[in-house]
Amino acid sequence: MDDDERKQVRAEFDDVVNVTPARLEKWLDTDESKSVGDKDGGGESTGHQSGRHIVRILRSKHDELSDADYAHMRKVVGYVHRHTAQRPHGDVEHTPWRYSLLNWGHDPL
């Protein structure tokens, strides 16, 4: 991945991730965070794992990020775009839909 691609991915990631690392870390410790998402073999959900990776990315300097980090940033952008398009009707504050997005670093509220 060249520098221009990295800049584009980082810009898109920064657009969709609107939760600070401290807030995301605190969120990931909640029962609500752990209650949503697909769990491989009953363990930690994909979204919860993603949230922990997002915290690491947000706390890293740009030149410390690996190709795997940039690949994950692309995955986050795609997930947030797909999931926000499925917004349910009504109040979403205490819904699994919002909780899942929060695991991926995006608060739709």
PDB file of N, CA and C in Angstrom:
ATOM      1  N   MET A   1       0.862  -1.174   0.000  1.00  0.00           N
ATOM      2  CA  MET A   1       0.000   0.000   0.000  1.00  0.00           C
ATOM      3  C   MET A   1       0.906   1.234   0.000  1.00  0.00           C
ATOM      4  N   ASP A   2       0.642   2.141  -0.923  1.00  0.00           N
ATOM      5  CA  ASP A   2       1.485   3.338  -0.979  1.00  0.00           C
ATOM      6  C   ASP A   2       0.958   4.416  -0.037  1.00  0.00           C
ATOM      7  N   ASP A   3       1.710   5.498   0.078  1.00  0.00           N
ATOM      8  CA  ASP A   3       1.373   6.565   1.033  1.00  0.00           C
ATOM      9  C   ASP A   3       0.018   7.210   0.745  1.00  0.00           C
ATOM     10  N   ASP A   4      -0.306   7.381  -0.535  1.00  0.00           N
ATOM     11  CA  ASP A   4      -1.600   7.993  -0.879  1.00  0.00           C
ATOM     12  C   ASP A   4      -2.757   7.102  -0.436  1.00  0.00           C
ATOM     13  N   GLU A   5      -2.609   5.797  -0.646  1.00  0.00           N
ATOM     14  CA  GLU A   5      -3.648   4.867  -0.208  1.00  0.00           C
ATOM     15  C   GLU A   5      -3.789   4.894   1.317  1.00  0.00           C
ATOM     16  N   ARG A   6      -2.667   4.925   2.005  1.00  0.00           N
ATOM     17  CA  ARG A   6      -2.706   4.982   3.474  1.00  0.00           C
ATOM     18  C   ARG A   6      -3.414   6.248   3.950  1.00  0.00           C
ATOM     19  N   LYS A   7      -3.124   7.382   3.311  1.00  0.00           N
ATOM     20  CA  LYS A   7      -3.780   8.648   3.690  1.00  0.00           C
ATOM     21  C   LYS A   7      -5.284   8.563   3.465  1.00  0.00           C
ATOM     22  N   GLN A   8      -5.691   7.961   2.354  1.00  0.00           N
ATOM     23  CA  GLN A   8      -7.120   7.836   2.053  1.00  0.00           C
ATOM     24  C   GLN A   8      -7.806   6.937   3.073  1.00  0.00           C
ATOM     25  N   VAL A   9      -7.203   5.793   3.366  1.00  0.00           N
ATOM     26  CA  VAL A   9      -7.787   4.869   4.340  1.00  0.00           C
ATOM     27  C   VAL A   9      -7.881   5.547   5.695  1.00  0.00           C
ATOM     28  N   ARG A  10      -6.830   6.248   6.103  1.00  0.00           N
ATOM     29  CA  ARG A  10      -6.832   6.919   7.408  1.00  0.00           C
ATOM     30  C   ARG A  10      -7.929   7.987   7.458  1.00  0.00           C
ATOM     31  N   ALA A  11      -8.093   8.746   6.383  1.00  0.00           N
ATOM     32  CA  ALA A  11      -9.134   9.784   6.346  1.00  0.00           C
ATOM     33  C   ALA A  11     -10.524   9.172   6.469  1.00  0.00           C
ATOM     34  N   GLU A  12     -10.782   8.077   5.747  1.00  0.00           N
ATOM     35  CA  GLU A  12     -12.083   7.415   5.830  1.00  0.00           C
ATOM     36  C   GLU A  12     -12.316   6.837   7.224  1.00  0.00           C
ATOM     37  N   PHE A  13     -11.285   6.249   7.798  1.00  0.00           N
ATOM     38  CA  PHE A  13     -11.354   5.699   9.150  1.00  0.00           C
ATOM     39  C   PHE A  13     -11.668   6.815  10.151  1.00  0.00           C
ATOM     40  N   ASP A  14     -10.954   7.921  10.034  1.00  0.00           N
ATOM     41  CA  ASP A  14     -11.178   9.053  10.947  1.00  0.00           C
ATOM     42  C   ASP A  14     -12.587   9.631  10.805  1.00  0.00           C
ATOM     43  N   ASP A  15     -13.177   9.518   9.612  1.00  0.00           N
ATOM     44  CA  ASP A  15     -14.548   9.992   9.395  1.00  0.00           C
ATOM     45  C   ASP A  15     -15.571   9.124  10.120  1.00  0.00           C
ATOM     46  N   VAL A  16     -15.365   7.814  10.145  1.00  0.00           N
ATOM     47  CA  VAL A  16     -16.376   6.928  10.732  1.00  0.00           C
ATOM     48  C   VAL A  16     -16.146   6.632  12.210  1.00  0.00           C
ATOM     49  N   VAL A  17     -14.910   6.656  12.654  1.00  0.00           N
ATOM     50  CA  VAL A  17     -14.627   6.385  14.067  1.00  0.00           C
ATOM     51  C   VAL A  17     -14.756   7.708  14.814  1.00  0.00           C
ATOM     52  N   ASN A  18     -15.846   7.842  15.549  1.00  0.00           N
ATOM     53  CA  ASN A  18     -16.124   9.100  16.239  1.00  0.00           C
ATOM     54  C   ASN A  18     -16.125   8.941  17.762  1.00  0.00           C
ATOM     55  N   VAL A  19     -15.519   7.877  18.243  1.00  0.00           N
ATOM     56  CA  VAL A  19     -15.425   7.605  19.677  1.00  0.00           C
ATOM     57  C   VAL A  19     -13.943   7.679  20.059  1.00  0.00           C
ATOM     58  N   THR A  20     -13.645   8.340  21.151  1.00  0.00           N
ATOM     59  CA  THR A  20     -12.252   8.446  21.598  1.00  0.00           C
ATOM     60  C   THR A  20     -11.750   7.096  22.083  1.00  0.00           C
ATOM     61  N   PRO A  21     -10.438   6.890  22.093  1.00  0.00           N
ATOM     62  CA  PRO A  21      -9.916   5.619  22.595  1.00  0.00           C
ATOM     63  C   PRO A  21     -10.334   5.348  24.041  1.00  0.00           C
ATOM     64  N   ALA A  22     -10.322   6.375  24.880  1.00  0.00           N
ATOM     65  CA  ALA A  22     -10.707   6.185  26.291  1.00  0.00           C
ATOM     66  C   ALA A  22     -12.170   5.783  26.405  1.00  0.00           C
ATOM     67  N   ARG A  23     -13.039   6.436  25.647  1.00  0.00           N
ATOM     68  CA  ARG A  23     -14.462   6.100  25.697  1.00  0.00           C
ATOM     69  C   ARG A  23     -14.712   4.698  25.146  1.00  0.00           C
ATOM     70  N   LEU A  24     -14.028   4.347  24.066  1.00  0.00           N
ATOM     71  CA  LEU A  24     -14.194   3.019  23.483  1.00  0.00           C
ATOM     72  C   LEU A  24     -13.708   1.946  24.447  1.00  0.00           C
ATOM     73  N   GLU A  25     -12.588   2.169  25.088  1.00  0.00           N
ATOM     74  CA  GLU A  25     -12.068   1.207  26.052  1.00  0.00           C
ATOM     75  C   GLU A  25     -13.047   1.004  27.205  1.00  0.00           C
ATOM     76  N   LYS A  26     -13.607   2.105  27.695  1.00  0.00           N
ATOM     77  CA  LYS A  26     -14.593   2.027  28.781  1.00  0.00           C
ATOM     78  C   LYS A  26     -15.838   1.275  28.310  1.00  0.00           C
ATOM     79  N   TRP A  27     -16.297   1.568  27.090  1.00  0.00           N
ATOM     80  CA  TRP A  27     -17.468   0.904  26.518  1.00  0.00           C
ATOM     81  C   TRP A  27     -17.235  -0.605  26.411  1.00  0.00           C
ATOM     82  N   LEU A  28     -16.055  -1.011  25.956  1.00  0.00           N
ATOM     83  CA  LEU A  28     -15.755  -2.420  25.754  1.00  0.00           C
ATOM     84  C   LEU A  28     -15.798  -3.224  27.050  1.00  0.00           C
ATOM     85  N   ASP A  29     -15.715  -2.550  28.185  1.00  0.00           N
ATOM     86  CA  ASP A  29     -15.798  -3.218  29.488  1.00  0.00           C
ATOM     87  C   ASP A  29     -17.234  -3.435  29.953  1.00  0.00           C
ATOM     88  N   THR A  30     -18.222  -2.917  29.221  1.00  0.00           N
ATOM     89  CA  THR A  30     -19.613  -3.017  29.665  1.00  0.00           C
ATOM     90  C   THR A  30     -20.250  -4.335  29.233  1.00  0.00           C
ATOM     91  N   ASP A  31     -21.275  -4.723  29.971  1.00  0.00           N
ATOM     92  CA  ASP A  31     -22.046  -5.918  29.612  1.00  0.00           C
ATOM     93  C   ASP A  31     -22.751  -5.727  28.269  1.00  0.00           C
ATOM     94  N   GLU A  32     -23.199  -4.497  27.995  1.00  0.00           N
ATOM     95  CA  GLU A  32     -23.894  -4.223  26.737  1.00  0.00           C
ATOM     96  C   GLU A  32     -22.955  -4.479  25.553  1.00  0.00           C
ATOM     97  N   SER A  33     -21.717  -4.050  25.678  1.00  0.00           N
ATOM     98  CA  SER A  33     -20.738  -4.257  24.619  1.00  0.00           C
ATOM     99  C   SER A  33     -20.517  -5.743  24.367  1.00  0.00           C
ATOM    100  N   LYS A  34     -20.434  -6.492  25.437  1.00  0.00           N
ATOM    101  CA  LYS A  34     -20.151  -7.928  25.331  1.00  0.00           C
ATOM    102  C   LYS A  34     -21.372  -8.741  24.906  1.00  0.00           C
ATOM    103  N   SER A  35     -22.558  -8.109  24.919  1.00  0.00           N
ATOM    104  CA  SER A  35     -23.799  -8.836  24.634  1.00  0.00           C
ATOM    105  C   SER A  35     -24.122  -8.939  23.149  1.00  0.00           C
ATOM    106  N   VAL A  36     -23.419  -8.204  22.298  1.00  0.00           N
ATOM    107  CA  VAL A  36     -23.777  -8.164  20.873  1.00  0.00           C
ATOM    108  C   VAL A  36     -22.666  -8.730  19.998  1.00  0.00           C
ATOM    109  N   GLY A  37     -23.066  -9.150  18.817  1.00  0.00           N
ATOM    110  CA  GLY A  37     -22.104  -9.592  17.820  1.00  0.00           C
ATOM    111  C   GLY A  37     -21.986 -11.097  17.707  1.00  0.00           C
ATOM    112  N   ASP A  38     -21.408 -11.508  16.593  1.00  0.00           N
ATOM    113  CA  ASP A  38     -21.161 -12.922  16.327  1.00  0.00           C
ATOM    114  C   ASP A  38     -19.947 -13.372  17.110  1.00  0.00           C
ATOM    115  N   LYS A  39     -20.133 -14.452  17.862  1.00  0.00           N
ATOM    116  CA  LYS A  39     -19.043 -14.969  18.680  1.00  0.00           C
ATOM    117  C   LYS A  39     -18.537 -16.274  18.092  1.00  0.00           C
ATOM    118  N   ASP A  40     -17.247 -16.323  17.808  1.00  0.00           N
ATOM    119  CA  ASP A  40     -16.625 -17.553  17.312  1.00  0.00           C
ATOM    120  C   ASP A  40     -16.453 -18.515  18.473  1.00  0.00           C
ATOM    121  N   GLY A  41     -17.182 -19.609  18.458  1.00  0.00           N
ATOM    122  CA  GLY A  41     -17.042 -20.613  19.496  1.00  0.00           C
ATOM    123  C   GLY A  41     -17.462 -20.149  20.871  1.00  0.00           C
ATOM    124  N   GLY A  42     -18.331 -19.138  20.949  1.00  0.00           N
ATOM    125  CA  GLY A  42     -18.841 -18.673  22.231  1.00  0.00           C
ATOM    126  C   GLY A  42     -17.929 -17.707  22.966  1.00  0.00           C
ATOM    127  N   GLY A  43     -16.813 -17.318  22.382  1.00  0.00           N
ATOM    128  CA  GLY A  43     -15.886 -16.393  23.027  1.00  0.00           C
ATOM    129  C   GLY A  43     -16.216 -14.953  22.726  1.00  0.00           C
ATOM    130  N   GLU A  44     -15.193 -14.177  22.518  1.00  0.00           N
ATOM    131  CA  GLU A  44     -15.338 -12.748  22.242  1.00  0.00           C
ATOM    132  C   GLU A  44     -15.891 -12.539  20.831  1.00  0.00           C
ATOM    133  N   SER A  45     -16.802 -11.571  20.694  1.00  0.00           N
ATOM    134  CA  SER A  45     -17.389 -11.300  19.383  1.00  0.00           C
ATOM    135  C   SER A  45     -16.375 -10.619  18.466  1.00  0.00           C
ATOM    136  N   THR A  46     -16.643 -10.714  17.183  1.00  0.00           N
ATOM    137  CA  THR A  46     -15.802 -10.074  16.169  1.00  0.00           C
ATOM    138  C   THR A  46     -15.740  -8.567  16.402  1.00  0.00           C
ATOM    139  N   GLY A  47     -16.891  -7.955  16.703  1.00  0.00           N
ATOM    140  CA  GLY A  47     -16.931  -6.516  16.937  1.00  0.00           C
ATOM    141  C   GLY A  47     -16.152  -6.103  18.170  1.00  0.00           C
ATOM    142  N   HIS A  48     -16.217  -6.925  19.202  1.00  0.00           N
ATOM    143  CA  HIS A  48     -15.484  -6.620  20.436  1.00  0.00           C
ATOM    144  C   HIS A  48     -13.981  -6.689  20.176  1.00  0.00           C
ATOM    145  N   GLN A  49     -13.549  -7.709  19.449  1.00  0.00           N
ATOM    146  CA  GLN A  49     -12.136  -7.814  19.066  1.00  0.00           C
ATOM    147  C   GLN A  49     -11.729  -6.614  18.234  1.00  0.00           C
ATOM    148  N   SER A  50     -12.602  -6.222  17.319  1.00  0.00           N
ATOM    149  CA  SER A  50     -12.338  -5.064  16.474  1.00  0.00           C
ATOM    150  C   SER A  50     -12.158  -3.811  17.318  1.00  0.00           C
ATOM    151  N   GLY A  51     -13.006  -3.646  18.308  1.00  0.00           N
ATOM    152  CA  GLY A  51     -12.903  -2.469  19.179  1.00  0.00           C
ATOM    153  C   GLY A  51     -11.557  -2.376  19.865  1.00  0.00           C
ATOM    154  N   ARG A  52     -11.057  -3.510  20.326  1.00  0.00           N
ATOM    155  CA  ARG A  52      -9.734  -3.510  20.975  1.00  0.00           C
ATOM    156  C   ARG A  52      -8.647  -3.132  19.972  1.00  0.00           C
ATOM    157  N   HIS A  53      -8.776  -3.604  18.732  1.00  0.00           N
ATOM    158  CA  HIS A  53      -7.815  -3.258  17.683  1.00  0.00           C
ATOM    159  C   HIS A  53      -7.911  -1.764  17.348  1.00  0.00           C
ATOM    160  N   ILE A  54      -9.120  -1.242  17.298  1.00  0.00           N
ATOM    161  CA  ILE A  54      -9.318   0.184  17.018  1.00  0.00           C
ATOM    162  C   ILE A  54      -8.646   1.036  18.086  1.00  0.00           C
ATOM    163  N   VAL A  55      -8.775   0.652  19.339  1.00  0.00           N
ATOM    164  CA  VAL A  55      -8.112   1.398  20.423  1.00  0.00           C
ATOM    165  C   VAL A  55      -6.607   1.442  20.167  1.00  0.00           C
ATOM    166  N   ARG A  56      -6.022   0.308  19.812  1.00  0.00           N
ATOM    167  CA  ARG A  56      -4.577   0.270  19.534  1.00  0.00           C
ATOM    168  C   ARG A  56      -4.220   1.184  18.364  1.00  0.00           C
ATOM    169  N   ILE A  57      -5.033   1.155  17.317  1.00  0.00           N
ATOM    170  CA  ILE A  57      -4.775   2.014  16.153  1.00  0.00           C
ATOM    171  C   ILE A  57      -4.848   3.481  16.549  1.00  0.00           C
ATOM    172  N   LEU A  58      -5.895   3.854  17.275  1.00  0.00           N
ATOM    173  CA  LEU A  58      -6.070   5.256  17.654  1.00  0.00           C
ATOM    174  C   LEU A  58      -4.941   5.763  18.545  1.00  0.00           C
ATOM    175  N   ARG A  59      -4.340   4.883  19.298  1.00  0.00           N
ATOM    176  CA  ARG A  59      -3.259   5.282  20.204  1.00  0.00           C
ATOM    177  C   ARG A  59      -1.875   5.171  19.563  1.00  0.00           C
ATOM    178  N   SER A  60      -1.831   4.750  18.318  1.00  0.00           N
ATOM    179  CA  SER A  60      -0.554   4.588  17.614  1.00  0.00           C
ATOM    180  C   SER A  60      -0.261   5.818  16.760  1.00  0.00           C
ATOM    181  N   LYS A  61       1.019   6.066  16.557  1.00  0.00           N
ATOM    182  CA  LYS A  61       1.434   7.088  15.599  1.00  0.00           C
ATOM    183  C   LYS A  61       1.253   6.508  14.201  1.00  0.00           C
ATOM    184  N   HIS A  62       0.986   7.372  13.240  1.00  0.00           N
ATOM    185  CA  HIS A  62       0.717   6.916  11.876  1.00  0.00           C
ATOM    186  C   HIS A  62       1.841   6.042  11.334  1.00  0.00           C
ATOM    187  N   ASP A  63       3.086   6.400  11.613  1.00  0.00           N
ATOM    188  CA  ASP A  63       4.209   5.634  11.061  1.00  0.00           C
ATOM    189  C   ASP A  63       4.420   4.303  11.777  1.00  0.00           C
ATOM    190  N   GLU A  64       3.684   4.058  12.862  1.00  0.00           N
ATOM    191  CA  GLU A  64       3.771   2.787  13.579  1.00  0.00           C
ATOM    192  C   GLU A  64       2.753   1.760  13.073  1.00  0.00           C
ATOM    193  N   LEU A  65       1.835   2.193  12.223  1.00  0.00           N
ATOM    194  CA  LEU A  65       0.768   1.308  11.758  1.00  0.00           C
ATOM    195  C   LEU A  65       1.259   0.363  10.670  1.00  0.00           C
ATOM    196  N   SER A  66       0.835  -0.883  10.775  1.00  0.00           N
ATOM    197  CA  SER A  66       1.218  -1.919   9.819  1.00  0.00           C
ATOM    198  C   SER A  66       0.185  -2.020   8.697  1.00  0.00           C
ATOM    199  N   ASP A  67       0.533  -2.813   7.686  1.00  0.00           N
ATOM    200  CA  ASP A  67      -0.437  -3.086   6.618  1.00  0.00           C
ATOM    201  C   ASP A  67      -1.679  -3.767   7.190  1.00  0.00           C
ATOM    202  N   ALA A  68      -1.501  -4.611   8.197  1.00  0.00           N
ATOM    203  CA  ALA A  68      -2.645  -5.275   8.840  1.00  0.00           C
ATOM    204  C   ALA A  68      -3.538  -4.247   9.534  1.00  0.00           C
ATOM    205  N   ASP A  69      -2.938  -3.223  10.120  1.00  0.00           N
ATOM    206  CA  ASP A  69      -3.730  -2.160  10.745  1.00  0.00           C
ATOM    207  C   ASP A  69      -4.547  -1.415   9.694  1.00  0.00           C
ATOM    208  N   TYR A  70      -3.925  -1.107   8.565  1.00  0.00           N
ATOM    209  CA  TYR A  70      -4.654  -0.419   7.505  1.00  0.00           C
ATOM    210  C   TYR A  70      -5.756  -1.303   6.927  1.00  0.00           C
ATOM    211  N   ALA A  71      -5.508  -2.587   6.823  1.00  0.00           N
ATOM    212  CA  ALA A  71      -6.552  -3.517   6.367  1.00  0.00           C
ATOM    213  C   ALA A  71      -7.713  -3.517   7.355  1.00  0.00           C
ATOM    214  N   HIS A  72      -7.402  -3.466   8.646  1.00  0.00           N
ATOM    215  CA  HIS A  72      -8.474  -3.433   9.646  1.00  0.00           C
ATOM    216  C   HIS A  72      -9.234  -2.110   9.565  1.00  0.00           C
ATOM    217  N   MET A  73      -8.528  -1.021   9.318  1.00  0.00           N
ATOM    218  CA  MET A  73      -9.188   0.273   9.182  1.00  0.00           C
ATOM    219  C   MET A  73     -10.184   0.238   8.022  1.00  0.00           C
ATOM    220  N   ARG A  74      -9.806  -0.399   6.918  1.00  0.00           N
ATOM    221  CA  ARG A  74     -10.730  -0.549   5.786  1.00  0.00           C
ATOM    222  C   ARG A  74     -11.946  -1.374   6.187  1.00  0.00           C
ATOM    223  N   LYS A  75     -11.707  -2.425   6.944  1.00  0.00           N
ATOM    224  CA  LYS A  75     -12.796  -3.287   7.413  1.00  0.00           C
ATOM    225  C   LYS A  75     -13.763  -2.492   8.286  1.00  0.00           C
ATOM    226  N   VAL A  76     -13.230  -1.647   9.154  1.00  0.00           N
ATOM    227  CA  VAL A  76     -14.056  -0.812  10.035  1.00  0.00           C
ATOM    228  C   VAL A  76     -14.927   0.127   9.205  1.00  0.00           C
ATOM    229  N   VAL A  77     -14.322   0.777   8.225  1.00  0.00           N
ATOM    230  CA  VAL A  77     -15.065   1.712   7.372  1.00  0.00           C
ATOM    231  C   VAL A  77     -16.216   0.981   6.671  1.00  0.00           C
ATOM    232  N   GLY A  78     -15.938  -0.173   6.103  1.00  0.00           N
ATOM    233  CA  GLY A  78     -16.975  -0.941   5.416  1.00  0.00           C
ATOM    234  C   GLY A  78     -18.084  -1.363   6.353  1.00  0.00           C
ATOM    235  N   TYR A  79     -17.714  -1.845   7.538  1.00  0.00           N
ATOM    236  CA  TYR A  79     -18.715  -2.292   8.508  1.00  0.00           C
ATOM    237  C   TYR A  79     -19.620  -1.127   8.915  1.00  0.00           C
ATOM    238  N   VAL A  80     -19.024  -0.005   9.273  1.00  0.00           N
ATOM    239  CA  VAL A  80     -19.822   1.134   9.734  1.00  0.00           C
ATOM    240  C   VAL A  80     -20.768   1.609   8.631  1.00  0.00           C
ATOM    241  N   HIS A  81     -20.289   1.682   7.407  1.00  0.00           N
ATOM    242  CA  HIS A  81     -21.165   2.109   6.301  1.00  0.00           C
ATOM    243  C   HIS A  81     -22.320   1.133   6.099  1.00  0.00           C
ATOM    244  N   ARG A  82     -22.031  -0.162   6.103  1.00  0.00           N
ATOM    245  CA  ARG A  82     -23.098  -1.162   5.913  1.00  0.00           C
ATOM    246  C   ARG A  82     -24.096  -1.140   7.068  1.00  0.00           C
ATOM    247  N   HIS A  83     -23.581  -1.084   8.270  1.00  0.00           N
ATOM    248  CA  HIS A  83     -24.442  -1.180   9.453  1.00  0.00           C
ATOM    249  C   HIS A  83     -25.291   0.080   9.640  1.00  0.00           C
ATOM    250  N   THR A  84     -24.728   1.249   9.377  1.00  0.00           N
ATOM    251  CA  THR A  84     -25.531   2.476   9.530  1.00  0.00           C
ATOM    252  C   THR A  84     -26.668   2.520   8.508  1.00  0.00           C
ATOM    253  N   ALA A  85     -26.478   1.891   7.365  1.00  0.00           N
ATOM    254  CA  ALA A  85     -27.542   1.835   6.348  1.00  0.00           C
ATOM    255  C   ALA A  85     -28.715   0.979   6.809  1.00  0.00           C
ATOM    256  N   GLN A  86     -28.524   0.173   7.844  1.00  0.00           N
ATOM    257  CA  GLN A  86     -29.577  -0.708   8.354  1.00  0.00           C
ATOM    258  C   GLN A  86     -30.223  -0.138   9.617  1.00  0.00           C
ATOM    259  N   ARG A  87     -30.150   1.157   9.811  1.00  0.00           N
ATOM    260  CA  ARG A  87     -30.686   1.786  11.021  1.00  0.00           C
ATOM    261  C   ARG A  87     -32.152   1.425  11.229  1.00  0.00           C
ATOM    262  N   PRO A  88     -32.474   0.910  12.404  1.00  0.00           N
ATOM    263  CA  PRO A  88     -33.882   0.599  12.683  1.00  0.00           C
ATOM    264  C   PRO A  88     -34.687   1.879  12.944  1.00  0.00           C
ATOM    265  N   HIS A  89     -35.992   1.757  12.855  1.00  0.00           N
ATOM    266  CA  HIS A  89     -36.873   2.895  13.133  1.00  0.00           C
ATOM    267  C   HIS A  89     -36.966   3.122  14.631  1.00  0.00           C
ATOM    268  N   GLY A  90     -37.256   4.342  14.997  1.00  0.00           N
ATOM    269  CA  GLY A  90     -37.494   4.661  16.400  1.00  0.00           C
ATOM    270  C   GLY A  90     -36.214   5.015  17.144  1.00  0.00           C
ATOM    271  N   ASP A  91     -36.352   5.019  18.450  1.00  0.00           N
ATOM    272  CA  ASP A  91     -35.244   5.359  19.342  1.00  0.00           C
ATOM    273  C   ASP A  91     -34.220   4.221  19.329  1.00  0.00           C
ATOM    274  N   VAL A  92     -32.988   4.543  18.998  1.00  0.00           N
ATOM    275  CA  VAL A  92     -31.954   3.508  18.875  1.00  0.00           C
ATOM    276  C   VAL A  92     -30.945   3.531  20.028  1.00  0.00           C
ATOM    277  N   GLU A  93     -31.184   4.390  21.021  1.00  0.00           N
ATOM    278  CA  GLU A  93     -30.172   4.575  22.071  1.00  0.00           C
ATOM    279  C   GLU A  93     -29.776   3.274  22.770  1.00  0.00           C
ATOM    280  N   HIS A  94     -30.742   2.456  23.123  1.00  0.00           N
ATOM    281  CA  HIS A  94     -30.454   1.225  23.876  1.00  0.00           C
ATOM    282  C   HIS A  94     -30.769  -0.016  23.038  1.00  0.00           C
ATOM    283  N   THR A  95     -30.198  -0.041  21.826  1.00  0.00           N
ATOM    284  CA  THR A  95     -30.472  -1.154  20.919  1.00  0.00           C
ATOM    285  C   THR A  95     -29.190  -1.923  20.599  1.00  0.00           C
ATOM    286  N   PRO A  96     -29.332  -3.193  20.294  1.00  0.00           N
ATOM    287  CA  PRO A  96     -28.166  -3.959  19.845  1.00  0.00           C
ATOM    288  C   PRO A  96     -27.499  -3.339  18.617  1.00  0.00           C
ATOM    289  N   TRP A  97     -28.292  -2.700  17.756  1.00  0.00           N
ATOM    290  CA  TRP A  97     -27.751  -2.038  16.565  1.00  0.00           C
ATOM    291  C   TRP A  97     -26.720  -0.992  16.962  1.00  0.00           C
ATOM    292  N   ARG A  98     -27.083  -0.122  17.894  1.00  0.00           N
ATOM    293  CA  ARG A  98     -26.148   0.918  18.346  1.00  0.00           C
ATOM    294  C   ARG A  98     -24.976   0.309  19.097  1.00  0.00           C
ATOM    295  N   TYR A  99     -25.243  -0.672  19.940  1.00  0.00           N
ATOM    296  CA  TYR A  99     -24.169  -1.299  20.718  1.00  0.00           C
ATOM    297  C   TYR A  99     -23.127  -1.919  19.789  1.00  0.00           C
ATOM    298  N   SER A 100     -23.594  -2.537  18.718  1.00  0.00           N
ATOM    299  CA  SER A 100     -22.670  -3.132  17.765  1.00  0.00           C
ATOM    300  C   SER A 100     -21.803  -2.069  17.099  1.00  0.00           C
ATOM    301  N   LEU A 101     -22.424  -0.971  16.695  1.00  0.00           N
ATOM    302  CA  LEU A 101     -21.650   0.116  16.091  1.00  0.00           C
ATOM    303  C   LEU A 101     -20.648   0.702  17.083  1.00  0.00           C
ATOM    304  N   LEU A 102     -21.039   0.817  18.328  1.00  0.00           N
ATOM    305  CA  LEU A 102     -20.100   1.322  19.337  1.00  0.00           C
ATOM    306  C   LEU A 102     -18.889   0.410  19.461  1.00  0.00           C
ATOM    307  N   ASN A 103     -19.090  -0.896  19.368  1.00  0.00           N
ATOM    308  CA  ASN A 103     -17.953  -1.826  19.408  1.00  0.00           C
ATOM    309  C   ASN A 103     -16.973  -1.540  18.278  1.00  0.00           C
ATOM    310  N   TRP A 104     -17.477  -1.026  17.172  1.00  0.00           N
ATOM    311  CA  TRP A 104     -16.644  -0.721  16.008  1.00  0.00           C
ATOM    312  C   TRP A 104     -16.196   0.742  15.995  1.00  0.00           C
ATOM    313  N   GLY A 105     -16.371   1.445  17.121  1.00  0.00           N
ATOM    314  CA  GLY A 105     -15.852   2.798  17.264  1.00  0.00           C
ATOM    315  C   GLY A 105     -16.738   3.911  16.732  1.00  0.00           C
ATOM    316  N   HIS A 106     -18.001   3.588  16.435  1.00  0.00           N
ATOM    317  CA  HIS A 106     -18.905   4.593  15.876  1.00  0.00           C
ATOM    318  C   HIS A 106     -20.153   4.707  16.727  1.00  0.00           C
ATOM    319  N   ASP A 107     -20.434   5.928  17.181  1.00  0.00           N
ATOM    320  CA  ASP A 107     -21.680   6.181  17.905  1.00  0.00           C
ATOM    321  C   ASP A 107     -22.621   6.947  16.983  1.00  0.00           C
ATOM    322  N   PRO A 108     -23.724   6.315  16.549  1.00  0.00           N
ATOM    323  CA  PRO A 108     -24.629   6.981  15.624  1.00  0.00           C
ATOM    324  C   PRO A 108     -25.407   8.140  16.249  1.00  0.00           C
ATOM    325  N   LEU A 109     -25.351   8.261  17.566  1.00  0.00           N
ATOM    326  CA  LEU A 109     -26.047   9.362  18.222  1.00  0.00           C
ATOM    327  C   LEU A 109     -25.120  10.552  18.378  1.00  0.00           C
TER     328      LEU A 109
END
